[in-house]
């Protein structure tokens, strides 16, 4: 539930993507996405990977890592 709440509250920080074997990653509507690209870091998160995170603290660590990129950008460091 924490993952769903986090992404609902922060979806504007992500670009929904899917992979096309000829074009590479392409932007798509959220309902059609297989990946989320974190806009500040450029990291691409696979939904299948997110499903494997079952320990809350592991997910919280990932969120903190991504948010560090956002903090750098907002302070002009990134």
PDB file of N, CA and C in Angstrom:
ATOM      1  N   UNK A   1       0.814  -1.199   0.000  1.00  0.00           N
ATOM      2  CA  UNK A   1       0.000   0.000   0.000  1.00  0.00           C
ATOM      3  C   UNK A   1       0.854   1.257   0.000  1.00  0.00           C
ATOM      4  N   UNK A   2       2.010   1.215   0.644  1.00  0.00           N
ATOM      5  CA  UNK A   2       2.893   2.384   0.692  1.00  0.00           C
ATOM      6  C   UNK A   2       3.355   2.776  -0.698  1.00  0.00           C
ATOM      7  N   UNK A   3       3.626   1.788  -1.541  1.00  0.00           N
ATOM      8  CA  UNK A   3       4.083   2.092  -2.903  1.00  0.00           C
ATOM      9  C   UNK A   3       2.991   2.797  -3.691  1.00  0.00           C
ATOM     10  N   UNK A   4       1.778   2.310  -3.604  1.00  0.00           N
ATOM     11  CA  UNK A   4       0.667   2.931  -4.330  1.00  0.00           C
ATOM     12  C   UNK A   4       0.471   4.360  -3.850  1.00  0.00           C
ATOM     13  N   UNK A   5       0.473   4.565  -2.547  1.00  0.00           N
ATOM     14  CA  UNK A   5       0.284   5.909  -1.995  1.00  0.00           C
ATOM     15  C   UNK A   5       1.405   6.840  -2.439  1.00  0.00           C
ATOM     16  N   UNK A   6       2.647   6.354  -2.389  1.00  0.00           N
ATOM     17  CA  UNK A   6       3.786   7.177  -2.801  1.00  0.00           C
ATOM     18  C   UNK A   6       3.634   7.622  -4.259  1.00  0.00           C
ATOM     19  N   UNK A   7       3.350   6.686  -5.149  1.00  0.00           N
ATOM     20  CA  UNK A   7       3.270   7.042  -6.571  1.00  0.00           C
ATOM     21  C   UNK A   7       2.036   7.896  -6.875  1.00  0.00           C
ATOM     22  N   UNK A   8       0.952   7.678  -6.179  1.00  0.00           N
ATOM     23  CA  UNK A   8      -0.213   8.561  -6.356  1.00  0.00           C
ATOM     24  C   UNK A   8       0.135   9.999  -5.986  1.00  0.00           C
ATOM     25  N   UNK A   9       0.885  10.164  -4.919  1.00  0.00           N
ATOM     26  CA  UNK A   9       1.228  11.497  -4.435  1.00  0.00           C
ATOM     27  C   UNK A   9       2.375  12.153  -5.208  1.00  0.00           C
ATOM     28  N   UNK A  10       3.119  11.362  -5.962  1.00  0.00           N
ATOM     29  CA  UNK A  10       4.319  11.880  -6.617  1.00  0.00           C
ATOM     30  C   UNK A  10       4.385  11.586  -8.111  1.00  0.00           C
ATOM     31  N   UNK A  11       3.287  11.213  -8.722  1.00  0.00           N
ATOM     32  CA  UNK A  11       3.314  10.757 -10.106  1.00  0.00           C
ATOM     33  C   UNK A  11       3.834  11.827 -11.060  1.00  0.00           C
ATOM     34  N   UNK A  12       3.688  13.117 -10.711  1.00  0.00           N
ATOM     35  CA  UNK A  12       4.166  14.184 -11.592  1.00  0.00           C
ATOM     36  C   UNK A  12       5.689  14.189 -11.716  1.00  0.00           C
ATOM     37  N   UNK A  13       6.379  13.487 -10.842  1.00  0.00           N
ATOM     38  CA  UNK A  13       7.835  13.397 -10.878  1.00  0.00           C
ATOM     39  C   UNK A  13       8.317  12.274 -11.801  1.00  0.00           C
ATOM     40  N   UNK A  14       7.385  11.566 -12.407  1.00  0.00           N
ATOM     41  CA  UNK A  14       7.707  10.400 -13.225  1.00  0.00           C
ATOM     42  C   UNK A  14       7.076  10.507 -14.603  1.00  0.00           C
ATOM     43  N   UNK A  15       7.756   9.915 -15.577  1.00  0.00           N
ATOM     44  CA  UNK A  15       7.225   9.833 -16.937  1.00  0.00           C
ATOM     45  C   UNK A  15       6.924   8.363 -17.226  1.00  0.00           C
ATOM     46  N   UNK A  16       5.673   8.023 -17.564  1.00  0.00           N
ATOM     47  CA  UNK A  16       5.348   6.632 -17.870  1.00  0.00           C
ATOM     48  C   UNK A  16       5.921   6.236 -19.234  1.00  0.00           C
ATOM     49  N   UNK A  17       6.508   5.054 -19.274  1.00  0.00           N
ATOM     50  CA  UNK A  17       7.163   4.570 -20.489  1.00  0.00           C
ATOM     51  C   UNK A  17       6.809   3.119 -20.762  1.00  0.00           C
ATOM     52  N   UNK A  18       7.000   2.718 -22.003  1.00  0.00           N
ATOM     53  CA  UNK A  18       7.048   1.303 -22.356  1.00  0.00           C
ATOM     54  C   UNK A  18       8.210   1.145 -23.300  1.00  0.00           C
ATOM     55  N   UNK A  19       8.593  -0.086 -23.561  1.00  0.00           N
ATOM     56  CA  UNK A  19       9.750  -0.333 -24.409  1.00  0.00           C
ATOM     57  C   UNK A  19       9.298  -0.882 -25.750  1.00  0.00           C
ATOM     58  N   UNK A  20       9.752  -0.233 -26.803  1.00  0.00           N
ATOM     59  CA  UNK A  20       9.505  -0.685 -28.170  1.00  0.00           C
ATOM     60  C   UNK A  20      10.839  -1.171 -28.723  1.00  0.00           C
ATOM     61  N   UNK A  21      10.868  -2.377 -29.256  1.00  0.00           N
ATOM     62  CA  UNK A  21      12.142  -2.953 -29.664  1.00  0.00           C
ATOM     63  C   UNK A  21      12.813  -2.184 -30.795  1.00  0.00           C
ATOM     64  N   UNK A  22      12.073  -1.395 -31.550  1.00  0.00           N
ATOM     65  CA  UNK A  22      12.670  -0.585 -32.614  1.00  0.00           C
ATOM     66  C   UNK A  22      12.995   0.830 -32.144  1.00  0.00           C
ATOM     67  N   UNK A  23      12.139   1.387 -31.296  1.00  0.00           N
ATOM     68  CA  UNK A  23      12.275   2.791 -30.896  1.00  0.00           C
ATOM     69  C   UNK A  23      12.925   2.979 -29.535  1.00  0.00           C
ATOM     70  N   UNK A  24      13.050   1.916 -28.765  1.00  0.00           N
ATOM     71  CA  UNK A  24      13.552   2.049 -27.398  1.00  0.00           C
ATOM     72  C   UNK A  24      12.423   2.460 -26.469  1.00  0.00           C
ATOM     73  N   UNK A  25      12.750   3.183 -25.420  1.00  0.00           N
ATOM     74  CA  UNK A  25      11.725   3.633 -24.469  1.00  0.00           C
ATOM     75  C   UNK A  25      10.912   4.757 -25.095  1.00  0.00           C
ATOM     76  N   UNK A  26       9.592   4.643 -24.986  1.00  0.00           N
ATOM     77  CA  UNK A  26       8.696   5.672 -25.517  1.00  0.00           C
ATOM     78  C   UNK A  26       7.695   6.074 -24.446  1.00  0.00           C
ATOM     79  N   UNK A  27       7.321   7.356 -24.467  1.00  0.00           N
ATOM     80  CA  UNK A  27       6.326   7.867 -23.523  1.00  0.00           C
ATOM     81  C   UNK A  27       4.945   7.341 -23.897  1.00  0.00           C
ATOM     82  N   UNK A  28       4.199   6.937 -22.893  1.00  0.00           N
ATOM     83  CA  UNK A  28       2.849   6.403 -23.090  1.00  0.00           C
ATOM     84  C   UNK A  28       1.960   6.894 -21.951  1.00  0.00           C
ATOM     85  N   UNK A  29       0.632   6.745 -22.092  1.00  0.00           N
ATOM     86  CA  UNK A  29      -0.246   7.047 -20.955  1.00  0.00           C
ATOM     87  C   UNK A  29       0.066   6.105 -19.789  1.00  0.00           C
ATOM     88  N   UNK A  30      -0.182   6.559 -18.594  1.00  0.00           N
ATOM     89  CA  UNK A  30       0.137   5.774 -17.404  1.00  0.00           C
ATOM     90  C   UNK A  30      -0.484   4.383 -17.440  1.00  0.00           C
ATOM     91  N   UNK A  31      -1.711   4.263 -17.920  1.00  0.00           N
ATOM     92  CA  UNK A  31      -2.384   2.960 -17.933  1.00  0.00           C
ATOM     93  C   UNK A  31      -1.668   1.950 -18.825  1.00  0.00           C
ATOM     94  N   UNK A  32      -0.836   2.423 -19.778  1.00  0.00           N
ATOM     95  CA  UNK A  32      -0.161   1.541 -20.732  1.00  0.00           C
ATOM     96  C   UNK A  32       1.316   1.333 -20.395  1.00  0.00           C
ATOM     97  N   UNK A  33       1.777   1.897 -19.292  1.00  0.00           N
ATOM     98  CA  UNK A  33       3.199   1.899 -18.961  1.00  0.00           C
ATOM     99  C   UNK A  33       3.667   0.581 -18.348  1.00  0.00           C
ATOM    100  N   UNK A  34       4.934   0.271 -18.607  1.00  0.00           N
ATOM    101  CA  UNK A  34       5.641  -0.834 -17.965  1.00  0.00           C
ATOM    102  C   UNK A  34       6.779  -0.321 -17.094  1.00  0.00           C
ATOM    103  N   UNK A  35       7.107   0.963 -17.276  1.00  0.00           N
ATOM    104  CA  UNK A  35       8.226   1.582 -16.589  1.00  0.00           C
ATOM    105  C   UNK A  35       7.841   2.992 -16.179  1.00  0.00           C
ATOM    106  N   UNK A  36       8.541   3.504 -15.167  1.00  0.00           N
ATOM    107  CA  UNK A  36       8.424   4.904 -14.787  1.00  0.00           C
ATOM    108  C   UNK A  36       9.821   5.505 -14.791  1.00  0.00           C
ATOM    109  N   UNK A  37       9.983   6.609 -15.491  1.00  0.00           N
ATOM    110  CA  UNK A  37      11.267   7.313 -15.503  1.00  0.00           C
ATOM    111  C   UNK A  37      11.200   8.457 -14.507  1.00  0.00           C
ATOM    112  N   UNK A  38      12.090   8.431 -13.529  1.00  0.00           N
ATOM    113  CA  UNK A  38      12.179   9.506 -12.555  1.00  0.00           C
ATOM    114  C   UNK A  38      12.810  10.704 -13.257  1.00  0.00           C
ATOM    115  N   UNK A  39      12.079  11.792 -13.361  1.00  0.00           N
ATOM    116  CA  UNK A  39      12.496  12.942 -14.166  1.00  0.00           C
ATOM    117  C   UNK A  39      13.779  13.597 -13.661  1.00  0.00           C
ATOM    118  N   UNK A  40      14.006  13.607 -12.366  1.00  0.00           N
ATOM    119  CA  UNK A  40      15.165  14.299 -11.814  1.00  0.00           C
ATOM    120  C   UNK A  40      16.458  13.493 -11.948  1.00  0.00           C
ATOM    121  N   UNK A  41      16.374  12.187 -11.801  1.00  0.00           N
ATOM    122  CA  UNK A  41      17.578  11.342 -11.851  1.00  0.00           C
ATOM    123  C   UNK A  41      17.793  10.687 -13.212  1.00  0.00           C
ATOM    124  N   UNK A  42      16.699  10.506 -13.947  1.00  0.00           N
ATOM    125  CA  UNK A  42      16.790   9.775 -15.207  1.00  0.00           C
ATOM    126  C   UNK A  42      16.687   8.267 -15.017  1.00  0.00           C
ATOM    127  N   UNK A  43      16.592   7.814 -13.762  1.00  0.00           N
ATOM    128  CA  UNK A  43      16.470   6.378 -13.496  1.00  0.00           C
ATOM    129  C   UNK A  43      15.136   5.861 -14.029  1.00  0.00           C
ATOM    130  N   UNK A  44      15.178   4.674 -14.584  1.00  0.00           N
ATOM    131  CA  UNK A  44      13.965   4.039 -15.097  1.00  0.00           C
ATOM    132  C   UNK A  44      13.636   2.857 -14.196  1.00  0.00           C
ATOM    133  N   UNK A  45      12.448   2.900 -13.606  1.00  0.00           N
ATOM    134  CA  UNK A  45      12.001   1.851 -12.702  1.00  0.00           C
ATOM    135  C   UNK A  45      11.034   0.924 -13.426  1.00  0.00           C
ATOM    136  N   UNK A  46      11.319  -0.337 -13.390  1.00  0.00           N
ATOM    137  CA  UNK A  46      10.486  -1.361 -13.997  1.00  0.00           C
ATOM    138  C   UNK A  46       9.403  -1.746 -12.976  1.00  0.00           C
ATOM    139  N   UNK A  47       8.163  -1.786 -13.398  1.00  0.00           N
ATOM    140  CA  UNK A  47       7.088  -2.182 -12.479  1.00  0.00           C
ATOM    141  C   UNK A  47       7.358  -3.556 -11.876  1.00  0.00           C
ATOM    142  N   UNK A  48       7.962  -4.454 -12.648  1.00  0.00           N
ATOM    143  CA  UNK A  48       8.263  -5.795 -12.122  1.00  0.00           C
ATOM    144  C   UNK A  48       9.266  -5.706 -10.976  1.00  0.00           C
ATOM    145  N   UNK A  49      10.233  -4.794 -11.098  1.00  0.00           N
ATOM    146  CA  UNK A  49      11.190  -4.595 -10.009  1.00  0.00           C
ATOM    147  C   UNK A  49      10.480  -4.052  -8.774  1.00  0.00           C
ATOM    148  N   UNK A  50       9.613  -3.072  -8.973  1.00  0.00           N
ATOM    149  CA  UNK A  50       8.898  -2.492  -7.831  1.00  0.00           C
ATOM    150  C   UNK A  50       8.076  -3.546  -7.095  1.00  0.00           C
ATOM    151  N   UNK A  51       7.531  -4.510  -7.836  1.00  0.00           N
ATOM    152  CA  UNK A  51       6.757  -5.585  -7.200  1.00  0.00           C
ATOM    153  C   UNK A  51       7.614  -6.456  -6.299  1.00  0.00           C
ATOM    154  N   UNK A  52       8.905  -6.548  -6.583  1.00  0.00           N
ATOM    155  CA  UNK A  52       9.779  -7.413  -5.783  1.00  0.00           C
ATOM    156  C   UNK A  52      10.142  -6.788  -4.445  1.00  0.00           C
ATOM    157  N   UNK A  53       9.915  -5.498  -4.289  1.00  0.00           N
ATOM    158  CA  UNK A  53      10.238  -4.826  -3.025  1.00  0.00           C
ATOM    159  C   UNK A  53       9.101  -5.088  -2.046  1.00  0.00           C
ATOM    160  N   UNK A  54       9.385  -5.900  -1.049  1.00  0.00           N
ATOM    161  CA  UNK A  54       8.352  -6.287  -0.087  1.00  0.00           C
ATOM    162  C   UNK A  54       8.631  -5.763   1.322  1.00  0.00           C
ATOM    163  N   UNK A  55       9.837  -5.277   1.550  1.00  0.00           N
ATOM    164  CA  UNK A  55      10.209  -4.741   2.862  1.00  0.00           C
ATOM    165  C   UNK A  55      10.060  -3.225   2.799  1.00  0.00           C
ATOM    166  N   UNK A  56       9.247  -2.681   3.690  1.00  0.00           N
ATOM    167  CA  UNK A  56       8.964  -1.243   3.672  1.00  0.00           C
ATOM    168  C   UNK A  56      10.242  -0.412   3.678  1.00  0.00           C
ATOM    169  N   UNK A  57      11.198  -0.749   4.523  1.00  0.00           N
ATOM    170  CA  UNK A  57      12.418   0.054   4.633  1.00  0.00           C
ATOM    171  C   UNK A  57      13.207   0.053   3.325  1.00  0.00           C
ATOM    172  N   UNK A  58      13.158  -1.023   2.568  1.00  0.00           N
ATOM    173  CA  UNK A  58      13.831  -1.056   1.260  1.00  0.00           C
ATOM    174  C   UNK A  58      13.181  -0.051   0.305  1.00  0.00           C
ATOM    175  N   UNK A  59      11.857   0.020   0.333  1.00  0.00           N
ATOM    176  CA  UNK A  59      11.154   0.979  -0.517  1.00  0.00           C
ATOM    177  C   UNK A  59      11.426   2.404  -0.040  1.00  0.00           C
ATOM    178  N   UNK A  60      11.422   2.615   1.253  1.00  0.00           N
ATOM    179  CA  UNK A  60      11.706   3.942   1.806  1.00  0.00           C
ATOM    180  C   UNK A  60      13.111   4.394   1.408  1.00  0.00           C
ATOM    181  N   UNK A  61      14.070   3.476   1.416  1.00  0.00           N
ATOM    182  CA  UNK A  61      15.445   3.796   1.002  1.00  0.00           C
ATOM    183  C   UNK A  61      15.470   4.234  -0.461  1.00  0.00           C
ATOM    184  N   UNK A  62      14.761   3.518  -1.325  1.00  0.00           N
ATOM    185  CA  UNK A  62      14.680   3.889  -2.738  1.00  0.00           C
ATOM    186  C   UNK A  62      14.089   5.298  -2.885  1.00  0.00           C
ATOM    187  N   UNK A  63      13.028   5.583  -2.159  1.00  0.00           N
ATOM    188  CA  UNK A  63      12.392   6.906  -2.225  1.00  0.00           C
ATOM    189  C   UNK A  63      13.349   7.995  -1.773  1.00  0.00           C
ATOM    190  N   UNK A  64      14.072   7.748  -0.701  1.00  0.00           N
ATOM    191  CA  UNK A  64      15.039   8.745  -0.211  1.00  0.00           C
ATOM    192  C   UNK A  64      16.140   8.990  -1.238  1.00  0.00           C
ATOM    193  N   UNK A  65      16.579   7.925  -1.869  1.00  0.00           N
ATOM    194  CA  UNK A  65      17.625   8.065  -2.894  1.00  0.00           C
ATOM    195  C   UNK A  65      17.130   8.921  -4.059  1.00  0.00           C
ATOM    196  N   UNK A  66      15.915   8.668  -4.512  1.00  0.00           N
ATOM    197  CA  UNK A  66      15.356   9.450  -5.615  1.00  0.00           C
ATOM    198  C   UNK A  66      15.108  10.893  -5.190  1.00  0.00           C
ATOM    199  N   UNK A  67      14.604  11.090  -3.992  1.00  0.00           N
ATOM    200  CA  UNK A  67      14.321  12.433  -3.507  1.00  0.00           C
ATOM    201  C   UNK A  67      15.591  13.258  -3.341  1.00  0.00           C
ATOM    202  N   UNK A  68      16.738  12.614  -3.137  1.00  0.00           N
ATOM    203  CA  UNK A  68      18.005  13.340  -3.048  1.00  0.00           C
ATOM    204  C   UNK A  68      18.297  14.056  -4.369  1.00  0.00           C
ATOM    205  N   UNK A  69      17.937  13.459  -5.485  1.00  0.00           N
ATOM    206  CA  UNK A  69      18.111  14.114  -6.781  1.00  0.00           C
ATOM    207  C   UNK A  69      17.199  15.332  -6.887  1.00  0.00           C
ATOM    208  N   UNK A  70      16.005  15.221  -6.356  1.00  0.00           N
ATOM    209  CA  UNK A  70      15.053  16.332  -6.389  1.00  0.00           C
ATOM    210  C   UNK A  70      15.563  17.485  -5.536  1.00  0.00           C
ATOM    211  N   UNK A  71      16.122  17.172  -4.369  1.00  0.00           N
ATOM    212  CA  UNK A  71      16.669  18.201  -3.492  1.00  0.00           C
ATOM    213  C   UNK A  71      17.819  18.933  -4.173  1.00  0.00           C
ATOM    214  N   UNK A  72      18.692  18.202  -4.856  1.00  0.00           N
ATOM    215  CA  UNK A  72      19.814  18.822  -5.565  1.00  0.00           C
ATOM    216  C   UNK A  72      19.313  19.752  -6.655  1.00  0.00           C
ATOM    217  N   UNK A  73      18.295  19.327  -7.391  1.00  0.00           N
ATOM    218  CA  UNK A  73      17.746  20.149  -8.472  1.00  0.00           C
ATOM    219  C   UNK A  73      17.122  21.423  -7.917  1.00  0.00           C
ATOM    220  N   UNK A  74      16.386  21.317  -6.832  1.00  0.00           N
ATOM    221  CA  UNK A  74      15.703  22.490  -6.284  1.00  0.00           C
ATOM    222  C   UNK A  74      16.676  23.486  -5.670  1.00  0.00           C
ATOM    223  N   UNK A  75      17.866  23.010  -5.313  1.00  0.00           N
ATOM    224  CA  UNK A  75      18.871  23.914  -4.747  1.00  0.00           C
ATOM    225  C   UNK A  75      19.874  24.384  -5.791  1.00  0.00           C
ATOM    226  N   UNK A  76      19.625  24.021  -7.058  1.00  0.00           N
ATOM    227  CA  UNK A  76      20.504  24.457  -8.129  1.00  0.00           C
ATOM    228  C   UNK A  76      21.794  23.689  -8.239  1.00  0.00           C
ATOM    229  N   UNK A  77      21.884  22.557  -7.547  1.00  0.00           N
ATOM    230  CA  UNK A  77      23.110  21.775  -7.572  1.00  0.00           C
ATOM    231  C   UNK A  77      23.102  20.705  -8.668  1.00  0.00           C
ATOM    232  N   UNK A  78      21.931  20.449  -9.268  1.00  0.00           N
ATOM    233  CA  UNK A  78      21.840  19.325 -10.206  1.00  0.00           C
ATOM    234  C   UNK A  78      21.522  19.737 -11.574  1.00  0.00           C
TER     235      UNK A  78
END
